[in-house]
Amino acid sequence: MFGDMMKMMGKLKETQKKVEETKKRLDTVLIDESSTDGKLKVTLTANRTIKTIEINEDLLEDKEQLEDYLILTLNKAIENATRVNEAELGAVAKEGMPNIPGMDMFK
């Protein structure tokens, strides 16, 4: 039993390392999102760090419209980045989980 526990602990440490490596890799995965008319474009990482924002000149004339565009487009980009982030980290965590009786939460 003690040997099984040590084996599980080793597997958990290995999984933790893979999760950290995946988080670093997700800093390089870029998510591009545009407003429906293409007047605003944002790029962020799968870890939800904004990298670029491109604003069409037309939007600079109307502060309220620009704010609306930013909110809608950034929220859509963040949703997409979160989906990618959770899928990648979830796959690594599920793959590395030891088989612990009663802990079948990833099925």
C-alpha atoms as a PDB file:
ATOM      1  CA  MET A   1       0.000   0.000   0.000  1.00  0.00           C
ATOM      2  CA  PHE A   2       2.829   2.433   0.848  1.00  0.00           C
ATOM      3  CA  GLY A   3       4.445   1.679  -2.517  1.00  0.00           C
ATOM      4  CA  ASP A   4       1.162   2.466  -4.275  1.00  0.00           C
ATOM      5  CA  MET A   5       0.939   5.748  -2.396  1.00  0.00           C
ATOM      6  CA  MET A   6       4.483   6.705  -3.418  1.00  0.00           C
ATOM      7  CA  LYS A   7       3.691   5.782  -7.007  1.00  0.00           C
ATOM      8  CA  MET A   8       0.593   7.992  -6.929  1.00  0.00           C
ATOM      9  CA  MET A   9       2.561  10.881  -5.434  1.00  0.00           C
ATOM     10  CA  GLY A  10       5.158  10.532  -8.184  1.00  0.00           C
ATOM     11  CA  LYS A  11       2.449  10.556 -10.828  1.00  0.00           C
ATOM     12  CA  LEU A  12       0.883  13.657  -9.291  1.00  0.00           C
ATOM     13  CA  LYS A  13       4.235  15.472  -9.296  1.00  0.00           C
ATOM     14  CA  GLU A  14       4.776  14.495 -12.921  1.00  0.00           C
ATOM     15  CA  THR A  15       1.301  15.790 -13.791  1.00  0.00           C
ATOM     16  CA  GLN A  16       1.962  19.038 -11.946  1.00  0.00           C
ATOM     17  CA  LYS A  17       5.118  19.519 -14.016  1.00  0.00           C
ATOM     18  CA  LYS A  18       3.186  18.854 -17.243  1.00  0.00           C
ATOM     19  CA  VAL A  19       0.509  21.361 -16.199  1.00  0.00           C
ATOM     20  CA  GLU A  20       3.167  24.033 -15.619  1.00  0.00           C
ATOM     21  CA  GLU A  21       4.736  23.273 -19.015  1.00  0.00           C
ATOM     22  CA  THR A  22       1.315  23.514 -20.645  1.00  0.00           C
ATOM     23  CA  LYS A  23       0.679  26.892 -18.980  1.00  0.00           C
ATOM     24  CA  LYS A  24       3.960  28.191 -20.401  1.00  0.00           C
ATOM     25  CA  ARG A  25       3.082  26.847 -23.845  1.00  0.00           C
ATOM     26  CA  LEU A  26      -0.334  28.521 -23.685  1.00  0.00           C
ATOM     27  CA  ASP A  27       1.492  31.862 -23.449  1.00  0.00           C
ATOM     28  CA  THR A  28       2.505  31.246 -27.079  1.00  0.00           C
ATOM     29  CA  VAL A  29      -0.933  30.183 -28.340  1.00  0.00           C
ATOM     30  CA  LEU A  30      -2.574  33.260 -29.861  1.00  0.00           C
ATOM     31  CA  ILE A  31      -6.312  33.836 -30.123  1.00  0.00           C
ATOM     32  CA  ASP A  32      -7.443  36.384 -32.734  1.00  0.00           C
ATOM     33  CA  GLU A  33     -10.876  37.954 -32.516  1.00  0.00           C
ATOM     34  CA  SER A  34     -12.514  40.672 -34.612  1.00  0.00           C
ATOM     35  CA  SER A  35     -15.702  42.663 -34.368  1.00  0.00           C
ATOM     36  CA  THR A  36     -18.345  41.510 -36.839  1.00  0.00           C
ATOM     37  CA  ASP A  37     -17.507  44.372 -39.222  1.00  0.00           C
ATOM     38  CA  GLY A  38     -13.733  44.027 -38.749  1.00  0.00           C
ATOM     39  CA  LYS A  39     -13.279  47.534 -37.324  1.00  0.00           C
ATOM     40  CA  LEU A  40     -11.670  46.192 -34.151  1.00  0.00           C
ATOM     41  CA  LYS A  41      -9.226  43.298 -33.870  1.00  0.00           C
ATOM     42  CA  VAL A  42      -7.670  41.889 -30.721  1.00  0.00           C
ATOM     43  CA  THR A  43      -5.098  39.191 -30.122  1.00  0.00           C
ATOM     44  CA  LEU A  44      -4.533  37.530 -26.781  1.00  0.00           C
ATOM     45  CA  THR A  45      -2.813  34.442 -25.492  1.00  0.00           C
ATOM     46  CA  ALA A  46      -4.654  31.323 -24.372  1.00  0.00           C
ATOM     47  CA  ASN A  47      -3.662  32.462 -20.858  1.00  0.00           C
ATOM     48  CA  ARG A  48      -5.798  35.562 -21.489  1.00  0.00           C
ATOM     49  CA  THR A  49      -3.050  38.177 -21.806  1.00  0.00           C
ATOM     50  CA  ILE A  50      -3.845  40.878 -24.366  1.00  0.00           C
ATOM     51  CA  LYS A  51      -1.103  41.146 -26.995  1.00  0.00           C
ATOM     52  CA  THR A  52      -2.492  43.564 -29.599  1.00  0.00           C
ATOM     53  CA  ILE A  53      -5.495  45.761 -30.277  1.00  0.00           C
ATOM     54  CA  GLU A  54      -6.096  47.220 -33.760  1.00  0.00           C
ATOM     55  CA  ILE A  55      -8.689  49.996 -34.012  1.00  0.00           C
ATOM     56  CA  ASN A  56     -10.117  51.324 -37.275  1.00  0.00           C
ATOM     57  CA  GLU A  57      -9.900  55.127 -37.570  1.00  0.00           C
ATOM     58  CA  ASP A  58     -13.714  55.364 -37.817  1.00  0.00           C
ATOM     59  CA  LEU A  59     -14.086  54.140 -34.240  1.00  0.00           C
ATOM     60  CA  LEU A  60     -11.845  56.890 -32.875  1.00  0.00           C
ATOM     61  CA  GLU A  61     -14.548  59.459 -33.652  1.00  0.00           C
ATOM     62  CA  ASP A  62     -17.118  57.963 -31.255  1.00  0.00           C
ATOM     63  CA  LYS A  63     -15.874  57.140 -27.746  1.00  0.00           C
ATOM     64  CA  GLU A  64     -19.050  55.296 -26.725  1.00  0.00           C
ATOM     65  CA  GLN A  65     -19.046  53.144 -29.847  1.00  0.00           C
ATOM     66  CA  LEU A  66     -15.349  52.302 -29.350  1.00  0.00           C
ATOM     67  CA  GLU A  67     -16.028  51.286 -25.745  1.00  0.00           C
ATOM     68  CA  ASP A  68     -18.880  49.022 -26.880  1.00  0.00           C
ATOM     69  CA  TYR A  69     -16.669  47.428 -29.544  1.00  0.00           C
ATOM     70  CA  LEU A  70     -13.882  46.847 -27.026  1.00  0.00           C
ATOM     71  CA  ILE A  71     -16.195  45.248 -24.480  1.00  0.00           C
ATOM     72  CA  LEU A  72     -17.902  42.929 -26.984  1.00  0.00           C
ATOM     73  CA  THR A  73     -14.775  41.883 -28.852  1.00  0.00           C
ATOM     74  CA  LEU A  74     -12.572  41.442 -25.780  1.00  0.00           C
ATOM     75  CA  ASN A  75     -15.245  39.388 -24.003  1.00  0.00           C
ATOM     76  CA  LYS A  76     -15.587  37.126 -27.050  1.00  0.00           C
ATOM     77  CA  ALA A  77     -11.799  36.721 -27.255  1.00  0.00           C
ATOM     78  CA  ILE A  78     -11.550  35.968 -23.531  1.00  0.00           C
ATOM     79  CA  GLU A  79     -14.277  33.312 -23.851  1.00  0.00           C
ATOM     80  CA  ASN A  80     -12.408  31.641 -26.704  1.00  0.00           C
ATOM     81  CA  ALA A  81      -9.077  31.817 -24.878  1.00  0.00           C
ATOM     82  CA  THR A  82     -10.664  30.375 -21.733  1.00  0.00           C
ATOM     83  CA  ARG A  83     -12.137  27.491 -23.739  1.00  0.00           C
ATOM     84  CA  VAL A  84      -8.709  26.660 -25.217  1.00  0.00           C
ATOM     85  CA  ASN A  85      -6.991  27.075 -21.835  1.00  0.00           C
ATOM     86  CA  GLU A  86      -9.427  24.818 -19.979  1.00  0.00           C
ATOM     87  CA  ALA A  87      -9.380  22.145 -22.689  1.00  0.00           C
ATOM     88  CA  GLU A  88      -5.574  21.996 -22.753  1.00  0.00           C
ATOM     89  CA  LEU A  89      -5.094  22.012 -18.983  1.00  0.00           C
ATOM     90  CA  GLY A  90      -7.992  19.625 -18.459  1.00  0.00           C
ATOM     91  CA  ALA A  91      -6.519  17.125 -20.896  1.00  0.00           C
ATOM     92  CA  VAL A  92      -3.136  17.208 -19.141  1.00  0.00           C
ATOM     93  CA  ALA A  93      -4.714  16.864 -15.695  1.00  0.00           C
ATOM     94  CA  LYS A  94      -7.002  14.029 -16.759  1.00  0.00           C
ATOM     95  CA  GLU A  95      -4.148  12.161 -18.439  1.00  0.00           C
ATOM     96  CA  GLY A  96      -1.963  12.401 -15.351  1.00  0.00           C
ATOM     97  CA  MET A  97      -4.455  11.581 -12.636  1.00  0.00           C
ATOM     98  CA  PRO A  98      -3.703   8.346 -10.822  1.00  0.00           C
ATOM     99  CA  ASN A  99      -6.507   5.845 -10.500  1.00  0.00           C
ATOM    100  CA  ILE A 100      -7.770   6.560  -6.982  1.00  0.00           C
ATOM    101  CA  PRO A 101     -10.874   4.601  -5.969  1.00  0.00           C
ATOM    102  CA  GLY A 102     -13.865   6.923  -5.575  1.00  0.00           C
ATOM    103  CA  MET A 103     -12.134   9.767  -7.430  1.00  0.00           C
ATOM    104  CA  ASP A 104     -13.685   9.274 -10.869  1.00  0.00           C
ATOM    105  CA  MET A 105     -14.536  12.973 -11.284  1.00  0.00           C
ATOM    106  CA  PHE A 106     -12.846  13.212 -14.701  1.00  0.00           C
ATOM    107  CA  LYS A 107     -14.992  10.597 -16.429  1.00  0.00           C
END
